[in-house]
Amino acid sequence: AAARQGHRDAQVSIATQYYLGRGITQDYAKSAYWYRKAAVQGDVGAQYLLASQYEHGLGVAVDWREAVRWYARAGAQGDRAALLKAQALQAEHASR
């Protein structure tokens, strides 16, 4: 209920449960749905994990541009690992 009402921490919690299959059937699509909800609200961890799902095609189609976008948003909020991921993905795909 809290996740549906827009509570970011609850959205991250349910997304992680779906991602890991903890207490419920693993469902990467539902995980991506809930991570996106929290990511849009500025949750850095959710932005990073959503980017990872786009990078690896977990519950969403592989989309390196979308992955870069979410890694960069997390990076802009101080997540250095996310910033490095965004830069590495851009460099990898720019050379193709």
PDB file of N, CA and C in Angstrom:
ATOM      1  N   ALA A   1       0.828  -1.197   0.000  1.00  0.00           N
ATOM      2  CA  ALA A   1       0.000   0.000   0.000  1.00  0.00           C
ATOM      3  C   ALA A   1       0.866   1.252   0.000  1.00  0.00           C
ATOM      4  N   ALA A   2       1.905   1.270   0.817  1.00  0.00           N
ATOM      5  CA  ALA A   2       2.777   2.451   0.889  1.00  0.00           C
ATOM      6  C   ALA A   2       3.476   2.690  -0.449  1.00  0.00           C
ATOM      7  N   ALA A   3       3.878   1.607  -1.121  1.00  0.00           N
ATOM      8  CA  ALA A   3       4.544   1.747  -2.423  1.00  0.00           C
ATOM      9  C   ALA A   3       3.607   2.386  -3.436  1.00  0.00           C
ATOM     10  N   ARG A   4       2.352   1.950  -3.435  1.00  0.00           N
ATOM     11  CA  ARG A   4       1.365   2.511  -4.368  1.00  0.00           C
ATOM     12  C   ARG A   4       1.073   3.979  -4.070  1.00  0.00           C
ATOM     13  N   GLN A   5       1.244   4.379  -2.827  1.00  0.00           N
ATOM     14  CA  GLN A   5       0.994   5.771  -2.432  1.00  0.00           C
ATOM     15  C   GLN A   5       2.197   6.670  -2.713  1.00  0.00           C
ATOM     16  N   GLY A   6       3.240   6.094  -3.307  1.00  0.00           N
ATOM     17  CA  GLY A   6       4.382   6.900  -3.712  1.00  0.00           C
ATOM     18  C   GLY A   6       5.518   6.977  -2.727  1.00  0.00           C
ATOM     19  N   HIS A   7       5.503   6.139  -1.700  1.00  0.00           N
ATOM     20  CA  HIS A   7       6.598   6.152  -0.726  1.00  0.00           C
ATOM     21  C   HIS A   7       7.823   5.469  -1.334  1.00  0.00           C
ATOM     22  N   ARG A   8       8.839   6.259  -1.545  1.00  0.00           N
ATOM     23  CA  ARG A   8      10.048   5.817  -2.234  1.00  0.00           C
ATOM     24  C   ARG A   8      10.699   4.599  -1.591  1.00  0.00           C
ATOM     25  N   ASP A   9      10.876   4.622  -0.284  1.00  0.00           N
ATOM     26  CA  ASP A   9      11.526   3.496   0.396  1.00  0.00           C
ATOM     27  C   ASP A   9      10.726   2.213   0.226  1.00  0.00           C
ATOM     28  N   ALA A  10       9.410   2.320   0.273  1.00  0.00           N
ATOM     29  CA  ALA A  10       8.554   1.147   0.081  1.00  0.00           C
ATOM     30  C   ALA A  10       8.663   0.640  -1.351  1.00  0.00           C
ATOM     31  N   GLN A  11       8.781   1.556  -2.303  1.00  0.00           N
ATOM     32  CA  GLN A  11       8.927   1.158  -3.702  1.00  0.00           C
ATOM     33  C   GLN A  11      10.238   0.408  -3.916  1.00  0.00           C
ATOM     34  N   VAL A  12      11.307   0.910  -3.322  1.00  0.00           N
ATOM     35  CA  VAL A  12      12.605   0.240  -3.428  1.00  0.00           C
ATOM     36  C   VAL A  12      12.536  -1.132  -2.769  1.00  0.00           C
ATOM     37  N   SER A  13      11.877  -1.206  -1.630  1.00  0.00           N
ATOM     38  CA  SER A  13      11.759  -2.472  -0.910  1.00  0.00           C
ATOM     39  C   SER A  13      11.032  -3.525  -1.740  1.00  0.00           C
ATOM     40  N   ILE A  14       9.895  -3.158  -2.315  1.00  0.00           N
ATOM     41  CA  ILE A  14       9.141  -4.142  -3.100  1.00  0.00           C
ATOM     42  C   ILE A  14       9.884  -4.487  -4.387  1.00  0.00           C
ATOM     43  N   ALA A  15      10.554  -3.505  -4.981  1.00  0.00           N
ATOM     44  CA  ALA A  15      11.349  -3.774  -6.186  1.00  0.00           C
ATOM     45  C   ALA A  15      12.437  -4.792  -5.888  1.00  0.00           C
ATOM     46  N   THR A  16      13.091  -4.625  -4.754  1.00  0.00           N
ATOM     47  CA  THR A  16      14.169  -5.538  -4.369  1.00  0.00           C
ATOM     48  C   THR A  16      13.627  -6.933  -4.076  1.00  0.00           C
ATOM     49  N   GLN A  17      12.462  -7.003  -3.456  1.00  0.00           N
ATOM     50  CA  GLN A  17      11.842  -8.310  -3.209  1.00  0.00           C
ATOM     51  C   GLN A  17      11.567  -9.026  -4.526  1.00  0.00           C
ATOM     52  N   TYR A  18      11.023  -8.306  -5.504  1.00  0.00           N
ATOM     53  CA  TYR A  18      10.772  -8.913  -6.819  1.00  0.00           C
ATOM     54  C   TYR A  18      12.080  -9.287  -7.505  1.00  0.00           C
ATOM     55  N   TYR A  19      13.083  -8.445  -7.394  1.00  0.00           N
ATOM     56  CA  TYR A  19      14.369  -8.698  -8.039  1.00  0.00           C
ATOM     57  C   TYR A  19      15.013  -9.972  -7.497  1.00  0.00           C
ATOM     58  N   LEU A  20      14.990 -10.114  -6.188  1.00  0.00           N
ATOM     59  CA  LEU A  20      15.642 -11.257  -5.543  1.00  0.00           C
ATOM     60  C   LEU A  20      14.739 -12.478  -5.406  1.00  0.00           C
ATOM     61  N   GLY A  21      13.421 -12.278  -5.564  1.00  0.00           N
ATOM     62  CA  GLY A  21      12.491 -13.375  -5.329  1.00  0.00           C
ATOM     63  C   GLY A  21      12.392 -13.704  -3.853  1.00  0.00           C
ATOM     64  N   ARG A  22      12.506 -12.685  -3.022  1.00  0.00           N
ATOM     65  CA  ARG A  22      12.491 -12.869  -1.565  1.00  0.00           C
ATOM     66  C   ARG A  22      11.053 -12.784  -1.058  1.00  0.00           C
ATOM     67  N   GLY A  23      10.486 -13.945  -0.705  1.00  0.00           N
ATOM     68  CA  GLY A  23       9.129 -13.984  -0.174  1.00  0.00           C
ATOM     69  C   GLY A  23       8.054 -13.957  -1.242  1.00  0.00           C
ATOM     70  N   ILE A  24       8.444 -13.725  -2.483  1.00  0.00           N
ATOM     71  CA  ILE A  24       7.513 -13.713  -3.611  1.00  0.00           C
ATOM     72  C   ILE A  24       8.230 -14.287  -4.832  1.00  0.00           C
ATOM     73  N   THR A  25       7.464 -14.587  -5.866  1.00  0.00           N
ATOM     74  CA  THR A  25       8.059 -15.111  -7.092  1.00  0.00           C
ATOM     75  C   THR A  25       8.921 -14.035  -7.744  1.00  0.00           C
ATOM     76  N   GLN A  26      10.134 -14.422  -8.116  1.00  0.00           N
ATOM     77  CA  GLN A  26      11.035 -13.470  -8.765  1.00  0.00           C
ATOM     78  C   GLN A  26      10.395 -12.952 -10.052  1.00  0.00           C
ATOM     79  N   ASP A  27      10.432 -11.644 -10.248  1.00  0.00           N
ATOM     80  CA  ASP A  27       9.809 -11.025 -11.421  1.00  0.00           C
ATOM     81  C   ASP A  27      10.576  -9.746 -11.750  1.00  0.00           C
ATOM     82  N   TYR A  28      11.478  -9.847 -12.723  1.00  0.00           N
ATOM     83  CA  TYR A  28      12.313  -8.699 -13.070  1.00  0.00           C
ATOM     84  C   TYR A  28      11.502  -7.547 -13.664  1.00  0.00           C
ATOM     85  N   ALA A  29      10.423  -7.855 -14.380  1.00  0.00           N
ATOM     86  CA  ALA A  29       9.595  -6.787 -14.957  1.00  0.00           C
ATOM     87  C   ALA A  29       8.948  -5.954 -13.849  1.00  0.00           C
ATOM     88  N   LYS A  30       8.430  -6.629 -12.831  1.00  0.00           N
ATOM     89  CA  LYS A  30       7.828  -5.896 -11.706  1.00  0.00           C
ATOM     90  C   LYS A  30       8.900  -5.151 -10.920  1.00  0.00           C
ATOM     91  N   SER A  31      10.069  -5.755 -10.826  1.00  0.00           N
ATOM     92  CA  SER A  31      11.184  -5.085 -10.162  1.00  0.00           C
ATOM     93  C   SER A  31      11.515  -3.776 -10.878  1.00  0.00           C
ATOM     94  N   ALA A  32      11.634  -3.834 -12.200  1.00  0.00           N
ATOM     95  CA  ALA A  32      11.943  -2.632 -12.983  1.00  0.00           C
ATOM     96  C   ALA A  32      10.850  -1.578 -12.818  1.00  0.00           C
ATOM     97  N   TYR A  33       9.596  -2.022 -12.795  1.00  0.00           N
ATOM     98  CA  TYR A  33       8.466  -1.105 -12.619  1.00  0.00           C
ATOM     99  C   TYR A  33       8.608  -0.305 -11.321  1.00  0.00           C
ATOM    100  N   TRP A  34       8.892  -1.013 -10.225  1.00  0.00           N
ATOM    101  CA  TRP A  34       8.977  -0.341  -8.923  1.00  0.00           C
ATOM    102  C   TRP A  34      10.268   0.462  -8.767  1.00  0.00           C
ATOM    103  N   TYR A  35      11.383  -0.054  -9.329  1.00  0.00           N
ATOM    104  CA  TYR A  35      12.614   0.745  -9.291  1.00  0.00           C
ATOM    105  C   TYR A  35      12.418   2.048 -10.062  1.00  0.00           C
ATOM    106  N   ARG A  36      11.712   1.983 -11.206  1.00  0.00           N
ATOM    107  CA  ARG A  36      11.464   3.199 -11.989  1.00  0.00           C
ATOM    108  C   ARG A  36      10.675   4.225 -11.169  1.00  0.00           C
ATOM    109  N   LYS A  37       9.647   3.756 -10.458  1.00  0.00           N
ATOM    110  CA  LYS A  37       8.832   4.666  -9.634  1.00  0.00           C
ATOM    111  C   LYS A  37       9.719   5.422  -8.635  1.00  0.00           C
ATOM    112  N   ALA A  38      10.609   4.687  -7.973  1.00  0.00           N
ATOM    113  CA  ALA A  38      11.498   5.312  -6.986  1.00  0.00           C
ATOM    114  C   ALA A  38      12.580   6.146  -7.669  1.00  0.00           C
ATOM    115  N   ALA A  39      13.067   5.677  -8.813  1.00  0.00           N
ATOM    116  CA  ALA A  39      14.121   6.392  -9.541  1.00  0.00           C
ATOM    117  C   ALA A  39      13.644   7.763  -9.999  1.00  0.00           C
ATOM    118  N   VAL A  40      12.416   7.825 -10.478  1.00  0.00           N
ATOM    119  CA  VAL A  40      11.840   9.096 -10.928  1.00  0.00           C
ATOM    120  C   VAL A  40      11.772  10.093  -9.769  1.00  0.00           C
ATOM    121  N   GLN A  41      11.593   9.575  -8.564  1.00  0.00           N
ATOM    122  CA  GLN A  41      11.542  10.431  -7.369  1.00  0.00           C
ATOM    123  C   GLN A  41      12.933  10.780  -6.840  1.00  0.00           C
ATOM    124  N   GLY A  42      13.969  10.309  -7.534  1.00  0.00           N
ATOM    125  CA  GLY A  42      15.323  10.701  -7.175  1.00  0.00           C
ATOM    126  C   GLY A  42      16.090   9.733  -6.303  1.00  0.00           C
ATOM    127  N   ASP A  43      15.589   8.515  -6.129  1.00  0.00           N
ATOM    128  CA  ASP A  43      16.314   7.539  -5.314  1.00  0.00           C
ATOM    129  C   ASP A  43      17.535   7.034  -6.092  1.00  0.00           C
ATOM    130  N   VAL A  44      18.718   7.337  -5.583  1.00  0.00           N
ATOM    131  CA  VAL A  44      19.964   7.014  -6.278  1.00  0.00           C
ATOM    132  C   VAL A  44      20.136   5.511  -6.471  1.00  0.00           C
ATOM    133  N   GLY A  45      19.881   4.736  -5.428  1.00  0.00           N
ATOM    134  CA  GLY A  45      20.019   3.288  -5.539  1.00  0.00           C
ATOM    135  C   GLY A  45      19.078   2.708  -6.578  1.00  0.00           C
ATOM    136  N   ALA A  46      17.859   3.195  -6.603  1.00  0.00           N
ATOM    137  CA  ALA A  46      16.881   2.727  -7.591  1.00  0.00           C
ATOM    138  C   ALA A  46      17.318   3.114  -8.999  1.00  0.00           C
ATOM    139  N   GLN A  47      17.883   4.303  -9.148  1.00  0.00           N
ATOM    140  CA  GLN A  47      18.376   4.731 -10.460  1.00  0.00           C
ATOM    141  C   GLN A  47      19.476   3.791 -10.939  1.00  0.00           C
ATOM    142  N   TYR A  48      20.388   3.448 -10.049  1.00  0.00           N
ATOM    143  CA  TYR A  48      21.495   2.553 -10.403  1.00  0.00           C
ATOM    144  C   TYR A  48      20.974   1.164 -10.779  1.00  0.00           C
ATOM    145  N   LEU A  49      20.073   0.634  -9.968  1.00  0.00           N
ATOM    146  CA  LEU A  49      19.582  -0.720 -10.216  1.00  0.00           C
ATOM    147  C   LEU A  49      18.700  -0.789 -11.454  1.00  0.00           C
ATOM    148  N   LEU A  50      17.919   0.247 -11.714  1.00  0.00           N
ATOM    149  CA  LEU A  50      17.129   0.298 -12.940  1.00  0.00           C
ATOM    150  C   LEU A  50      18.061   0.352 -14.153  1.00  0.00           C
ATOM    151  N   ALA A  51      19.107   1.154 -14.060  1.00  0.00           N
ATOM    152  CA  ALA A  51      20.097   1.226 -15.139  1.00  0.00           C
ATOM    153  C   ALA A  51      20.700  -0.145 -15.406  1.00  0.00           C
ATOM    154  N   SER A  52      21.019  -0.854 -14.348  1.00  0.00           N
ATOM    155  CA  SER A  52      21.591  -2.194 -14.480  1.00  0.00           C
ATOM    156  C   SER A  52      20.622  -3.146 -15.176  1.00  0.00           C
ATOM    157  N   GLN A  53      19.340  -3.030 -14.858  1.00  0.00           N
ATOM    158  CA  GLN A  53      18.349  -3.882 -15.512  1.00  0.00           C
ATOM    159  C   GLN A  53      18.290  -3.573 -17.006  1.00  0.00           C
ATOM    160  N   TYR A  54      18.388  -2.297 -17.377  1.00  0.00           N
ATOM    161  CA  TYR A  54      18.421  -1.943 -18.800  1.00  0.00           C
ATOM    162  C   TYR A  54      19.711  -2.421 -19.455  1.00  0.00           C
ATOM    163  N   GLU A  55      20.806  -2.326 -18.747  1.00  0.00           N
ATOM    164  CA  GLU A  55      22.092  -2.760 -19.297  1.00  0.00           C
ATOM    165  C   GLU A  55      22.086  -4.254 -19.606  1.00  0.00           C
ATOM    166  N   HIS A  56      21.469  -5.037 -18.728  1.00  0.00           N
ATOM    167  CA  HIS A  56      21.522  -6.495 -18.847  1.00  0.00           C
ATOM    168  C   HIS A  56      20.231  -7.132 -19.358  1.00  0.00           C
ATOM    169  N   GLY A  57      19.200  -6.326 -19.601  1.00  0.00           N
ATOM    170  CA  GLY A  57      17.948  -6.864 -20.128  1.00  0.00           C
ATOM    171  C   GLY A  57      17.179  -7.706 -19.132  1.00  0.00           C
ATOM    172  N   LEU A  58      17.139  -7.280 -17.894  1.00  0.00           N
ATOM    173  CA  LEU A  58      16.411  -8.012 -16.856  1.00  0.00           C
ATOM    174  C   LEU A  58      15.038  -7.378 -16.643  1.00  0.00           C
ATOM    175  N   GLY A  59      14.008  -7.988 -17.213  1.00  0.00           N
ATOM    176  CA  GLY A  59      12.648  -7.488 -17.057  1.00  0.00           C
ATOM    177  C   GLY A  59      12.294  -6.363 -18.006  1.00  0.00           C
ATOM    178  N   VAL A  60      13.278  -5.890 -18.737  1.00  0.00           N
ATOM    179  CA  VAL A  60      13.114  -4.846 -19.752  1.00  0.00           C
ATOM    180  C   VAL A  60      14.006  -5.229 -20.932  1.00  0.00           C
ATOM    181  N   ALA A  61      13.734  -4.640 -22.084  1.00  0.00           N
ATOM    182  CA  ALA A  61      14.612  -4.877 -23.233  1.00  0.00           C
ATOM    183  C   ALA A  61      15.969  -4.228 -22.966  1.00  0.00           C
ATOM    184  N   VAL A  62      17.033  -4.866 -23.440  1.00  0.00           N
ATOM    185  CA  VAL A  62      18.356  -4.255 -23.334  1.00  0.00           C
ATOM    186  C   VAL A  62      18.299  -2.909 -24.050  1.00  0.00           C
ATOM    187  N   ASP A  63      18.727  -1.872 -23.363  1.00  0.00           N
ATOM    188  CA  ASP A  63      18.708  -0.517 -23.927  1.00  0.00           C
ATOM    189  C   ASP A  63      19.851   0.262 -23.292  1.00  0.00           C
ATOM    190  N   TRP A  64      20.997   0.280 -23.967  1.00  0.00           N
ATOM    191  CA  TRP A  64      22.170   0.907 -23.361  1.00  0.00           C
ATOM    192  C   TRP A  64      21.972   2.405 -23.171  1.00  0.00           C
ATOM    193  N   ARG A  65      21.212   3.053 -24.043  1.00  0.00           N
ATOM    194  CA  ARG A  65      20.981   4.494 -23.880  1.00  0.00           C
ATOM    195  C   ARG A  65      20.184   4.781 -22.605  1.00  0.00           C
ATOM    196  N   GLU A  66      19.177   3.953 -22.365  1.00  0.00           N
ATOM    197  CA  GLU A  66      18.375   4.115 -21.142  1.00  0.00           C
ATOM    198  C   GLU A  66      19.233   3.804 -19.915  1.00  0.00           C
ATOM    199  N   ALA A  67      20.093   2.797 -20.039  1.00  0.00           N
ATOM    200  CA  ALA A  67      21.013   2.467 -18.945  1.00  0.00           C
ATOM    201  C   ALA A  67      21.923   3.659 -18.644  1.00  0.00           C
ATOM    202  N   VAL A  68      22.492   4.247 -19.689  1.00  0.00           N
ATOM    203  CA  VAL A  68      23.372   5.411 -19.508  1.00  0.00           C
ATOM    204  C   VAL A  68      22.605   6.550 -18.844  1.00  0.00           C
ATOM    205  N   ARG A  69      21.373   6.768 -19.293  1.00  0.00           N
ATOM    206  CA  ARG A  69      20.565   7.866 -18.742  1.00  0.00           C
ATOM    207  C   ARG A  69      20.373   7.713 -17.232  1.00  0.00           C
ATOM    208  N   TRP A  70      20.028   6.499 -16.792  1.00  0.00           N
ATOM    209  CA  TRP A  70      19.786   6.285 -15.358  1.00  0.00           C
ATOM    210  C   TRP A  70      21.083   6.247 -14.560  1.00  0.00           C
ATOM    211  N   TYR A  71      22.142   5.646 -15.131  1.00  0.00           N
ATOM    212  CA  TYR A  71      23.440   5.692 -14.442  1.00  0.00           C
ATOM    213  C   TYR A  71      23.887   7.148 -14.278  1.00  0.00           C
ATOM    214  N   ALA A  72      23.700   7.951 -15.326  1.00  0.00           N
ATOM    215  CA  ALA A  72      24.119   9.356 -15.272  1.00  0.00           C
ATOM    216  C   ALA A  72      23.315  10.139 -14.234  1.00  0.00           C
ATOM    217  N   ARG A  73      22.026   9.845 -14.123  1.00  0.00           N
ATOM    218  CA  ARG A  73      21.208  10.540 -13.110  1.00  0.00           C
ATOM    219  C   ARG A  73      21.700  10.211 -11.706  1.00  0.00           C
ATOM    220  N   ALA A  74      22.027   8.930 -11.484  1.00  0.00           N
ATOM    221  CA  ALA A  74      22.573   8.546 -10.176  1.00  0.00           C
ATOM    222  C   ALA A  74      23.939   9.202  -9.970  1.00  0.00           C
ATOM    223  N   GLY A  75      24.740   9.231 -11.024  1.00  0.00           N
ATOM    224  CA  GLY A  75      26.059   9.856 -10.948  1.00  0.00           C
ATOM    225  C   GLY A  75      25.984  11.333 -10.622  1.00  0.00           C
ATOM    226  N   ALA A  76      24.986  12.004 -11.169  1.00  0.00           N
ATOM    227  CA  ALA A  76      24.807  13.438 -10.918  1.00  0.00           C
ATOM    228  C   ALA A  76      24.462  13.718  -9.460  1.00  0.00           C
ATOM    229  N   GLN A  77      23.990  12.691  -8.764  1.00  0.00           N
ATOM    230  CA  GLN A  77      23.659  12.842  -7.343  1.00  0.00           C
ATOM    231  C   GLN A  77      24.783  12.330  -6.436  1.00  0.00           C
ATOM    232  N   GLY A  78      25.933  12.046  -7.041  1.00  0.00           N
ATOM    233  CA  GLY A  78      27.090  11.697  -6.235  1.00  0.00           C
ATOM    234  C   GLY A  78      27.494  10.238  -6.234  1.00  0.00           C
ATOM    235  N   ASP A  79      26.799   9.387  -6.988  1.00  0.00           N
ATOM    236  CA  ASP A  79      27.171   7.972  -7.045  1.00  0.00           C
ATOM    237  C   ASP A  79      28.285   7.805  -8.080  1.00  0.00           C
ATOM    238  N   ARG A  80      29.512   7.770  -7.590  1.00  0.00           N
ATOM    239  CA  ARG A  80      30.674   7.709  -8.487  1.00  0.00           C
ATOM    240  C   ARG A  80      30.688   6.441  -9.337  1.00  0.00           C
ATOM    241  N   ALA A  81      30.315   5.314  -8.762  1.00  0.00           N
ATOM    242  CA  ALA A  81      30.286   4.058  -9.524  1.00  0.00           C
ATOM    243  C   ALA A  81      29.310   4.171 -10.696  1.00  0.00           C
ATOM    244  N   ALA A  82      28.174   4.803 -10.458  1.00  0.00           N
ATOM    245  CA  ALA A  82      27.178   4.978 -11.517  1.00  0.00           C
ATOM    246  C   ALA A  82      27.724   5.876 -12.622  1.00  0.00           C
ATOM    247  N   LEU A  83      28.409   6.935 -12.237  1.00  0.00           N
ATOM    248  CA  LEU A  83      28.993   7.846 -13.216  1.00  0.00           C
ATOM    249  C   LEU A  83      30.015   7.113 -14.089  1.00  0.00           C
ATOM    250  N   LEU A  84      30.845   6.302 -13.465  1.00  0.00           N
ATOM    251  CA  LEU A  84      31.840   5.527 -14.210  1.00  0.00           C
ATOM    252  C   LEU A  84      31.170   4.531 -15.148  1.00  0.00           C
ATOM    253  N   LYS A  85      30.080   3.908 -14.706  1.00  0.00           N
ATOM    254  CA  LYS A  85      29.328   2.978 -15.552  1.00  0.00           C
ATOM    255  C   LYS A  85      28.769   3.706 -16.765  1.00  0.00           C
ATOM    256  N   ALA A  86      28.193   4.893 -16.545  1.00  0.00           N
ATOM    257  CA  ALA A  86      27.626   5.681 -17.647  1.00  0.00           C
ATOM    258  C   ALA A  86      28.712   6.006 -18.668  1.00  0.00           C
ATOM    259  N   GLN A  87      29.862   6.446 -18.190  1.00  0.00           N
ATOM    260  CA  GLN A  87      30.960   6.805 -19.086  1.00  0.00           C
ATOM    261  C   GLN A  87      31.477   5.589 -19.849  1.00  0.00           C
ATOM    262  N   ALA A  88      31.608   4.461 -19.161  1.00  0.00           N
ATOM    263  CA  ALA A  88      32.105   3.245 -19.804  1.00  0.00           C
ATOM    264  C   ALA A  88      31.140   2.749 -20.881  1.00  0.00           C
ATOM    265  N   LEU A  89      29.847   2.765 -20.582  1.00  0.00           N
ATOM    266  CA  LEU A  89      28.855   2.326 -21.569  1.00  0.00           C
ATOM    267  C   LEU A  89      28.847   3.244 -22.783  1.00  0.00           C
ATOM    268  N   GLN A  90      28.920   4.544 -22.547  1.00  0.00           N
ATOM    269  CA  GLN A  90      28.952   5.490 -23.665  1.00  0.00           C
ATOM    270  C   GLN A  90      30.176   5.250 -24.536  1.00  0.00           C
ATOM    271  N   ALA A  91      31.320   5.066 -23.917  1.00  0.00           N
ATOM    272  CA  ALA A  91      32.554   4.836 -24.664  1.00  0.00           C
ATOM    273  C   ALA A  91      32.474   3.529 -25.451  1.00  0.00           C
ATOM    274  N   GLU A  92      31.945   2.503 -24.820  1.00  0.00           N
ATOM    275  CA  GLU A  92      31.832   1.191 -25.467  1.00  0.00           C
ATOM    276  C   GLU A  92      30.950   1.272 -26.712  1.00  0.00           C
ATOM    277  N   HIS A  93      29.841   1.973 -26.612  1.00  0.00           N
ATOM    278  CA  HIS A  93      28.891   2.017 -27.724  1.00  0.00           C
ATOM    279  C   HIS A  93      29.230   3.098 -28.744  1.00  0.00           C
ATOM    280  N   ALA A  94      29.990   4.091 -28.354  1.00  0.00           N
ATOM    281  CA  ALA A  94      30.409   5.129 -29.298  1.00  0.00           C
ATOM    282  C   ALA A  94      31.407   4.564 -30.304  1.00  0.00           C
ATOM    283  N   SER A  95      32.138   3.534 -29.883  1.00  0.00           N
ATOM    284  CA  SER A  95      33.169   2.954 -30.748  1.00  0.00           C
ATOM    285  C   SER A  95      32.605   1.900 -31.701  1.00  0.00           C
ATOM    286  N   ARG A  96      31.308   1.649 -31.625  1.00  0.00           N
ATOM    287  CA  ARG A  96      30.705   0.619 -32.492  1.00  0.00           C
ATOM    288  C   ARG A  96      30.171   1.234 -33.757  1.00  0.00           C
TER     289      ARG A  96
END
